Amino acid sequence: MDIQLKKWGNSLGLRIPYRLAESFGWDENSTVEMIEVDGALLIRQKAMPLTLDELLASIPADFRYPNDVSDFVDSEPTGQELL
């Protein structure tokens, strides 16, 4: 597929054909990143950061802290810590 580059301000722009954007699930609100890899241009959808709720939901129900931090997590305040 050939795509013609066009001047866009001081930059060059390219249009992603609808059929191709649709196959990747991209729309006008998608954010993509461009990376140079071995002399080629790689365009991929940028991973969106997780929300706090999504991050907390990803913790398995059987999660246990590692032994080297479990004593700290389960300990009571011993000084003038602010809670």
C-alpha atoms as a PDB file:
ATOM      1  CA  MET A   1       0.000   0.000   0.000  1.00  0.00           C
ATOM      2  CA  ASP A   2       1.489   3.335  -1.027  1.00  0.00           C
ATOM      3  CA  ILE A   3       0.685   6.409   1.059  1.00  0.00           C
ATOM      4  CA  GLN A   4       1.596   9.926  -0.068  1.00  0.00           C
ATOM      5  CA  LEU A   5       3.176  12.144   2.599  1.00  0.00           C
ATOM      6  CA  LYS A   6       1.759  15.682   2.824  1.00  0.00           C
ATOM      7  CA  LYS A   7       3.121  18.851   4.388  1.00  0.00           C
ATOM      8  CA  TRP A   8       1.485  19.597   7.743  1.00  0.00           C
ATOM      9  CA  GLY A   9       2.930  22.789   9.217  1.00  0.00           C
ATOM     10  CA  ASN A  10       6.681  22.216   9.519  1.00  0.00           C
ATOM     11  CA  SER A  11       6.157  18.444   9.599  1.00  0.00           C
ATOM     12  CA  LEU A  12       5.037  15.734   7.226  1.00  0.00           C
ATOM     13  CA  GLY A  13       1.772  13.919   7.755  1.00  0.00           C
ATOM     14  CA  LEU A  14       0.378  10.647   6.511  1.00  0.00           C
ATOM     15  CA  ARG A  15      -3.152   9.321   6.440  1.00  0.00           C
ATOM     16  CA  ILE A  16      -3.958   5.851   7.646  1.00  0.00           C
ATOM     17  CA  PRO A  17      -6.625   4.339   5.405  1.00  0.00           C
ATOM     18  CA  TYR A  18      -9.909   3.616   7.153  1.00  0.00           C
ATOM     19  CA  ARG A  19      -9.802  -0.110   6.399  1.00  0.00           C
ATOM     20  CA  LEU A  20      -6.370  -0.413   8.025  1.00  0.00           C
ATOM     21  CA  ALA A  21      -7.331   1.712  11.052  1.00  0.00           C
ATOM     22  CA  GLU A  22     -10.490  -0.347  11.489  1.00  0.00           C
ATOM     23  CA  SER A  23      -8.546  -3.618  11.442  1.00  0.00           C
ATOM     24  CA  PHE A  24      -6.398  -2.335  14.340  1.00  0.00           C
ATOM     25  CA  GLY A  25      -9.377  -0.920  16.221  1.00  0.00           C
ATOM     26  CA  TRP A  26      -8.070   2.655  15.895  1.00  0.00           C
ATOM     27  CA  ASP A  27     -10.231   5.748  15.701  1.00  0.00           C
ATOM     28  CA  GLU A  28      -9.715   9.502  15.874  1.00  0.00           C
ATOM     29  CA  ASN A  29      -9.192   9.270  19.654  1.00  0.00           C
ATOM     30  CA  SER A  30      -6.478   6.603  19.495  1.00  0.00           C
ATOM     31  CA  THR A  31      -2.906   7.454  20.437  1.00  0.00           C
ATOM     32  CA  VAL A  32      -0.135   5.740  18.512  1.00  0.00           C
ATOM     33  CA  GLU A  33       3.621   5.847  18.866  1.00  0.00           C
ATOM     34  CA  MET A  34       6.182   5.740  16.083  1.00  0.00           C
ATOM     35  CA  ILE A  35       9.497   3.986  16.604  1.00  0.00           C
ATOM     36  CA  GLU A  36      12.453   3.612  14.285  1.00  0.00           C
ATOM     37  CA  VAL A  37      13.542  -0.028  14.151  1.00  0.00           C
ATOM     38  CA  ASP A  38      16.393  -1.122  11.871  1.00  0.00           C
ATOM     39  CA  GLY A  39      15.753   1.699   9.408  1.00  0.00           C
ATOM     40  CA  ALA A  40      12.003   1.066   9.304  1.00  0.00           C
ATOM     41  CA  LEU A  41       9.137   3.001  10.871  1.00  0.00           C
ATOM     42  CA  LEU A  42       7.000   1.023  13.316  1.00  0.00           C
ATOM     43  CA  ILE A  43       3.606   2.476  14.230  1.00  0.00           C
ATOM     44  CA  ARG A  44       1.722   0.872  17.093  1.00  0.00           C
ATOM     45  CA  GLN A  45      -1.039   1.805  19.481  1.00  0.00           C
ATOM     46  CA  LYS A  46       0.343   3.311  22.643  1.00  0.00           C
ATOM     47  CA  ALA A  47      -0.536   1.417  25.777  1.00  0.00           C
ATOM     48  CA  MET A  48      -2.763   3.491  27.996  1.00  0.00           C
ATOM     49  CA  PRO A  49      -1.839   3.613  31.691  1.00  0.00           C
ATOM     50  CA  LEU A  50      -4.104   1.645  33.981  1.00  0.00           C
ATOM     51  CA  THR A  51      -6.444   3.455  36.335  1.00  0.00           C
ATOM     52  CA  LEU A  52      -6.018   2.784  40.047  1.00  0.00           C
ATOM     53  CA  ASP A  53      -9.209   0.687  40.026  1.00  0.00           C
ATOM     54  CA  GLU A  54      -7.897  -1.421  37.105  1.00  0.00           C
ATOM     55  CA  LEU A  55      -4.546  -1.866  38.816  1.00  0.00           C
ATOM     56  CA  LEU A  56      -6.128  -2.937  42.105  1.00  0.00           C
ATOM     57  CA  ALA A  57      -8.512  -5.293  40.281  1.00  0.00           C
ATOM     58  CA  SER A  58      -5.505  -7.023  38.694  1.00  0.00           C
ATOM     59  CA  ILE A  59      -4.147  -8.171  42.089  1.00  0.00           C
ATOM     60  CA  PRO A  60      -4.958 -11.869  42.534  1.00  0.00           C
ATOM     61  CA  ALA A  61      -7.222 -12.800  45.447  1.00  0.00           C
ATOM     62  CA  ASP A  62      -4.528 -15.138  46.814  1.00  0.00           C
ATOM     63  CA  PHE A  63      -1.766 -12.473  46.741  1.00  0.00           C
ATOM     64  CA  ARG A  64       0.691 -12.632  49.638  1.00  0.00           C
ATOM     65  CA  TYR A  65       3.516 -10.227  50.313  1.00  0.00           C
ATOM     66  CA  PRO A  66       7.012 -11.730  49.986  1.00  0.00           C
ATOM     67  CA  ASN A  67       8.655 -12.737  53.262  1.00  0.00           C
ATOM     68  CA  ASP A  68      11.144  -9.868  53.145  1.00  0.00           C
ATOM     69  CA  VAL A  69       8.387  -7.224  53.359  1.00  0.00           C
ATOM     70  CA  SER A  70       5.528  -8.999  55.148  1.00  0.00           C
ATOM     71  CA  ASP A  71       6.910  -8.097  58.609  1.00  0.00           C
ATOM     72  CA  PHE A  72       6.985  -4.425  57.606  1.00  0.00           C
ATOM     73  CA  VAL A  73       3.466  -4.454  56.158  1.00  0.00           C
ATOM     74  CA  ASP A  74       1.976  -6.193  59.194  1.00  0.00           C
ATOM     75  CA  SER A  75       3.869  -4.161  61.826  1.00  0.00           C
ATOM     76  CA  GLU A  76       2.393  -1.455  64.025  1.00  0.00           C
ATOM     77  CA  PRO A  77       3.800   2.108  64.145  1.00  0.00           C
ATOM     78  CA  THR A  78       6.755   2.331  66.541  1.00  0.00           C
ATOM     79  CA  GLY A  79       7.621   6.021  66.497  1.00  0.00           C
ATOM     80  CA  GLN A  80       6.188   9.327  65.322  1.00  0.00           C
ATOM     81  CA  GLU A  81       4.971   8.092  61.909  1.00  0.00           C
ATOM     82  CA  LEU A  82       2.233  10.160  60.341  1.00  0.00           C
ATOM     83  CA  LEU A  83      -0.722   8.090  59.208  1.00  0.00           C
END
